[in-house]
Amino acid sequence: MHGLPWDLVKNTTRDQQRLLWEIIQRDQKDKFEFENASTMVGVAKALGGGVKT
């Protein structure tokens, strides 16, 4: 998902690379948290829990 085109990164500075890395890390963290919350809601519903969505 986060494959960056070579043309975009071949002339970047270290600071720019760090910024891109930070964006990727935050995106992966957000994605994990969303998927985790979705899974928990699904499991709760499957087990008969009263979860509001």
PDB file of N, CA and C in Angstrom:
ATOM      1  N   MET A   1       0.817  -1.193   0.000  1.00  0.00           N
ATOM      2  CA  MET A   1       0.000   0.000   0.000  1.00  0.00           C
ATOM      3  C   MET A   1       0.860   1.255   0.000  1.00  0.00           C
ATOM      4  N   HIS A   2       2.000   1.190   0.664  1.00  0.00           N
ATOM      5  CA  HIS A   2       2.811   2.387   0.800  1.00  0.00           C
ATOM      6  C   HIS A   2       4.035   2.374  -0.092  1.00  0.00           C
ATOM      7  N   GLY A   3       3.957   1.671  -1.186  1.00  0.00           N
ATOM      8  CA  GLY A   3       5.068   1.721  -2.118  1.00  0.00           C
ATOM      9  C   GLY A   3       5.142   3.110  -2.726  1.00  0.00           C
ATOM     10  N   LEU A   4       6.232   3.774  -2.493  1.00  0.00           N
ATOM     11  CA  LEU A   4       6.397   5.125  -3.014  1.00  0.00           C
ATOM     12  C   LEU A   4       7.139   5.069  -4.339  1.00  0.00           C
ATOM     13  N   PRO A   5       6.684   5.811  -5.326  1.00  0.00           N
ATOM     14  CA  PRO A   5       7.359   5.803  -6.625  1.00  0.00           C
ATOM     15  C   PRO A   5       8.808   6.294  -6.508  1.00  0.00           C
ATOM     16  N   TRP A   6       9.689   5.624  -7.195  1.00  0.00           N
ATOM     17  CA  TRP A   6      11.101   5.979  -7.159  1.00  0.00           C
ATOM     18  C   TRP A   6      11.317   7.431  -7.571  1.00  0.00           C
ATOM     19  N   ASP A   7      10.577   7.890  -8.570  1.00  0.00           N
ATOM     20  CA  ASP A   7      10.717   9.273  -9.031  1.00  0.00           C
ATOM     21  C   ASP A   7      10.405  10.271  -7.916  1.00  0.00           C
ATOM     22  N   LEU A   8       9.547   9.876  -6.989  1.00  0.00           N
ATOM     23  CA  LEU A   8       9.181  10.757  -5.890  1.00  0.00           C
ATOM     24  C   LEU A   8      10.266  10.818  -4.817  1.00  0.00           C
ATOM     25  N   VAL A   9      10.951   9.716  -4.581  1.00  0.00           N
ATOM     26  CA  VAL A   9      11.880   9.659  -3.453  1.00  0.00           C
ATOM     27  C   VAL A   9      13.362   9.692  -3.822  1.00  0.00           C
ATOM     28  N   LYS A  10      13.688   9.583  -5.072  1.00  0.00           N
ATOM     29  CA  LYS A  10      15.107   9.465  -5.425  1.00  0.00           C
ATOM     30  C   LYS A  10      15.927  10.702  -5.090  1.00  0.00           C
ATOM     31  N   ASN A  11      15.308  11.860  -5.014  1.00  0.00           N
ATOM     32  CA  ASN A  11      16.052  13.089  -4.714  1.00  0.00           C
ATOM     33  C   ASN A  11      15.647  13.712  -3.380  1.00  0.00           C
ATOM     34  N   THR A  12      15.048  12.919  -2.500  1.00  0.00           N
ATOM     35  CA  THR A  12      14.609  13.471  -1.223  1.00  0.00           C
ATOM     36  C   THR A  12      15.771  13.573  -0.239  1.00  0.00           C
ATOM     37  N   THR A  13      15.632  14.512   0.675  1.00  0.00           N
ATOM     38  CA  THR A  13      16.607  14.652   1.746  1.00  0.00           C
ATOM     39  C   THR A  13      16.234  13.697   2.878  1.00  0.00           C
ATOM     40  N   ARG A  14      17.119  13.549   3.840  1.00  0.00           N
ATOM     41  CA  ARG A  14      16.820  12.687   5.002  1.00  0.00           C
ATOM     42  C   ARG A  14      15.602  13.195   5.756  1.00  0.00           C
ATOM     43  N   ASP A  15      15.489  14.507   5.891  1.00  0.00           N
ATOM     44  CA  ASP A  15      14.326  15.070   6.592  1.00  0.00           C
ATOM     45  C   ASP A  15      13.029  14.736   5.866  1.00  0.00           C
ATOM     46  N   GLN A  16      13.040  14.827   4.557  1.00  0.00           N
ATOM     47  CA  GLN A  16      11.850  14.485   3.776  1.00  0.00           C
ATOM     48  C   GLN A  16      11.529  12.999   3.902  1.00  0.00           C
ATOM     49  N   GLN A  17      12.553  12.151   3.918  1.00  0.00           N
ATOM     50  CA  GLN A  17      12.335  10.717   4.082  1.00  0.00           C
ATOM     51  C   GLN A  17      11.750  10.408   5.459  1.00  0.00           C
ATOM     52  N   ARG A  18      12.252  11.098   6.487  1.00  0.00           N
ATOM     53  CA  ARG A  18      11.707  10.911   7.839  1.00  0.00           C
ATOM     54  C   ARG A  18      10.246  11.314   7.895  1.00  0.00           C
ATOM     55  N   LEU A  19       9.900  12.397   7.204  1.00  0.00           N
ATOM     56  CA  LEU A  19       8.515  12.850   7.173  1.00  0.00           C
ATOM     57  C   LEU A  19       7.624  11.816   6.487  1.00  0.00           C
ATOM     58  N   LEU A  20       8.063  11.285   5.371  1.00  0.00           N
ATOM     59  CA  LEU A  20       7.301  10.237   4.685  1.00  0.00           C
ATOM     60  C   LEU A  20       7.148   9.010   5.577  1.00  0.00           C
ATOM     61  N   TRP A  21       8.210   8.634   6.286  1.00  0.00           N
ATOM     62  CA  TRP A  21       8.166   7.487   7.190  1.00  0.00           C
ATOM     63  C   TRP A  21       7.150   7.731   8.309  1.00  0.00           C
ATOM     64  N   GLU A  22       7.126   8.942   8.855  1.00  0.00           N
ATOM     65  CA  GLU A  22       6.175   9.280   9.913  1.00  0.00           C
ATOM     66  C   GLU A  22       4.737   9.176   9.411  1.00  0.00           C
ATOM     67  N   ILE A  23       4.496   9.642   8.213  1.00  0.00           N
ATOM     68  CA  ILE A  23       3.153   9.554   7.623  1.00  0.00           C
ATOM     69  C   ILE A  23       2.738   8.095   7.481  1.00  0.00           C
ATOM     70  N   ILE A  24       3.636   7.264   6.999  1.00  0.00           N
ATOM     71  CA  ILE A  24       3.350   5.837   6.824  1.00  0.00           C
ATOM     72  C   ILE A  24       3.062   5.184   8.169  1.00  0.00           C
ATOM     73  N   GLN A  25       3.880   5.487   9.180  1.00  0.00           N
ATOM     74  CA  GLN A  25       3.693   4.896  10.509  1.00  0.00           C
ATOM     75  C   GLN A  25       2.348   5.299  11.112  1.00  0.00           C
ATOM     76  N   ARG A  26       1.986   6.568  10.995  1.00  0.00           N
ATOM     77  CA  ARG A  26       0.704   7.027  11.538  1.00  0.00           C
ATOM     78  C   ARG A  26      -0.462   6.371  10.815  1.00  0.00           C
ATOM     79  N   ASP A  27      -0.339   6.242   9.501  1.00  0.00           N
ATOM     80  CA  ASP A  27      -1.402   5.618   8.732  1.00  0.00           C
ATOM     81  C   ASP A  27      -1.588   4.159   9.134  1.00  0.00           C
ATOM     82  N   GLN A  28      -0.495   3.446   9.326  1.00  0.00           N
ATOM     83  CA  GLN A  28      -0.589   2.044   9.730  1.00  0.00           C
ATOM     84  C   GLN A  28      -1.192   1.914  11.124  1.00  0.00           C
ATOM     85  N   LYS A  29      -0.838   2.819  12.025  1.00  0.00           N
ATOM     86  CA  LYS A  29      -1.389   2.800  13.383  1.00  0.00           C
ATOM     87  C   LYS A  29      -2.896   3.055  13.337  1.00  0.00           C
ATOM     88  N   ASP A  30      -3.306   4.067  12.571  1.00  0.00           N
ATOM     89  CA  ASP A  30      -4.737   4.377  12.449  1.00  0.00           C
ATOM     90  C   ASP A  30      -5.504   3.202  11.848  1.00  0.00           C
ATOM     91  N   LYS A  31      -4.926   2.573  10.832  1.00  0.00           N
ATOM     92  CA  LYS A  31      -5.572   1.437  10.186  1.00  0.00           C
ATOM     93  C   LYS A  31      -5.732   0.289  11.172  1.00  0.00           C
ATOM     94  N   PHE A  32      -4.694   0.007  11.954  1.00  0.00           N
ATOM     95  CA  PHE A  32      -4.765  -1.065  12.938  1.00  0.00           C
ATOM     96  C   PHE A  32      -5.841  -0.779  13.972  1.00  0.00           C
ATOM     97  N   GLU A  33      -5.886   0.450  14.484  1.00  0.00           N
ATOM     98  CA  GLU A  33      -6.867   0.802  15.507  1.00  0.00           C
ATOM     99  C   GLU A  33      -8.286   0.685  14.960  1.00  0.00           C
ATOM    100  N   PHE A  34      -8.508   1.100  13.719  1.00  0.00           N
ATOM    101  CA  PHE A  34      -9.834   0.993  13.113  1.00  0.00           C
ATOM    102  C   PHE A  34     -10.235  -0.467  12.945  1.00  0.00           C
ATOM    103  N   GLU A  35      -9.309  -1.280  12.425  1.00  0.00           N
ATOM    104  CA  GLU A  35      -9.620  -2.696  12.218  1.00  0.00           C
ATOM    105  C   GLU A  35      -9.854  -3.404  13.554  1.00  0.00           C
ATOM    106  N   ASN A  36      -9.087  -3.048  14.565  1.00  0.00           N
ATOM    107  CA  ASN A  36      -9.238  -3.651  15.876  1.00  0.00           C
ATOM    108  C   ASN A  36     -10.608  -3.306  16.465  1.00  0.00           C
ATOM    109  N   ALA A  37     -11.006  -2.050  16.369  1.00  0.00           N
ATOM    110  CA  ALA A  37     -12.309  -1.636  16.888  1.00  0.00           C
ATOM    111  C   ALA A  37     -13.435  -2.323  16.119  1.00  0.00           C
ATOM    112  N   SER A  38     -13.300  -2.436  14.829  1.00  0.00           N
ATOM    113  CA  SER A  38     -14.319  -3.098  14.008  1.00  0.00           C
ATOM    114  C   SER A  38     -14.454  -4.567  14.389  1.00  0.00           C
ATOM    115  N   THR A  39     -13.323  -5.209  14.621  1.00  0.00           N
ATOM    116  CA  THR A  39     -13.339  -6.618  15.019  1.00  0.00           C
ATOM    117  C   THR A  39     -14.011  -6.786  16.370  1.00  0.00           C
ATOM    118  N   MET A  40     -13.699  -5.907  17.303  1.00  0.00           N
ATOM    119  CA  MET A  40     -14.294  -6.005  18.634  1.00  0.00           C
ATOM    120  C   MET A  40     -15.807  -5.835  18.581  1.00  0.00           C
ATOM    121  N   VAL A  41     -16.292  -4.918  17.762  1.00  0.00           N
ATOM    122  CA  VAL A  41     -17.730  -4.723  17.615  1.00  0.00           C
ATOM    123  C   VAL A  41     -18.365  -5.964  17.002  1.00  0.00           C
ATOM    124  N   GLY A  42     -17.724  -6.524  15.982  1.00  0.00           N
ATOM    125  CA  GLY A  42     -18.253  -7.723  15.336  1.00  0.00           C
ATOM    126  C   GLY A  42     -18.316  -8.914  16.282  1.00  0.00           C
ATOM    127  N   VAL A  43     -17.290  -9.094  17.077  1.00  0.00           N
ATOM    128  CA  VAL A  43     -17.270 -10.200  18.043  1.00  0.00           C
ATOM    129  C   VAL A  43     -18.343  -9.980  19.091  1.00  0.00           C
ATOM    130  N   ALA A  44     -18.472  -8.775  19.594  1.00  0.00           N
ATOM    131  CA  ALA A  44     -19.479  -8.483  20.601  1.00  0.00           C
ATOM    132  C   ALA A  44     -20.890  -8.756  20.070  1.00  0.00           C
ATOM    133  N   LYS A  45     -21.147  -8.359  18.859  1.00  0.00           N
ATOM    134  CA  LYS A  45     -22.461  -8.614  18.254  1.00  0.00           C
ATOM    135  C   LYS A  45     -22.691 -10.112  18.075  1.00  0.00           C
ATOM    136  N   ALA A  46     -21.664 -10.816  17.647  1.00  0.00           N
ATOM    137  CA  ALA A  46     -21.796 -12.253  17.427  1.00  0.00           C
ATOM    138  C   ALA A  46     -22.067 -12.989  18.745  1.00  0.00           C
ATOM    139  N   LEU A  47     -21.555 -12.458  19.829  1.00  0.00           N
ATOM    140  CA  LEU A  47     -21.752 -13.085  21.129  1.00  0.00           C
ATOM    141  C   LEU A  47     -22.978 -12.542  21.858  1.00  0.00           C
ATOM    142  N   GLY A  48     -23.743 -11.708  21.160  1.00  0.00           N
ATOM    143  CA  GLY A  48     -24.983 -11.210  21.736  1.00  0.00           C
ATOM    144  C   GLY A  48     -24.830  -9.992  22.608  1.00  0.00           C
ATOM    145  N   GLY A  49     -23.715  -9.310  22.498  1.00  0.00           N
ATOM    146  CA  GLY A  49     -23.513  -8.105  23.294  1.00  0.00           C
ATOM    147  C   GLY A  49     -24.331  -6.947  22.748  1.00  0.00           C
ATOM    148  N   GLY A  50     -24.686  -6.035  23.625  1.00  0.00           N
ATOM    149  CA  GLY A  50     -25.458  -4.873  23.228  1.00  0.00           C
ATOM    150  C   GLY A  50     -24.546  -3.720  22.829  1.00  0.00           C
ATOM    151  N   VAL A  51     -23.919  -3.835  21.688  1.00  0.00           N
ATOM    152  CA  VAL A  51     -22.997  -2.820  21.226  1.00  0.00           C
ATOM    153  C   VAL A  51     -23.701  -1.893  20.245  1.00  0.00           C
ATOM    154  N   LYS A  52     -23.598  -0.603  20.517  1.00  0.00           N
ATOM    155  CA  LYS A  52     -24.173   0.387  19.599  1.00  0.00           C
ATOM    156  C   LYS A  52     -23.099   0.810  18.619  1.00  0.00           C
ATOM    157  N   THR A  53     -23.487   0.902  17.346  1.00  0.00           N
ATOM    158  CA  THR A  53     -22.520   1.350  16.340  1.00  0.00           C
ATOM    159  C   THR A  53     -22.899   2.686  15.822  1.00  0.00           C
TER     160      THR A  53
END
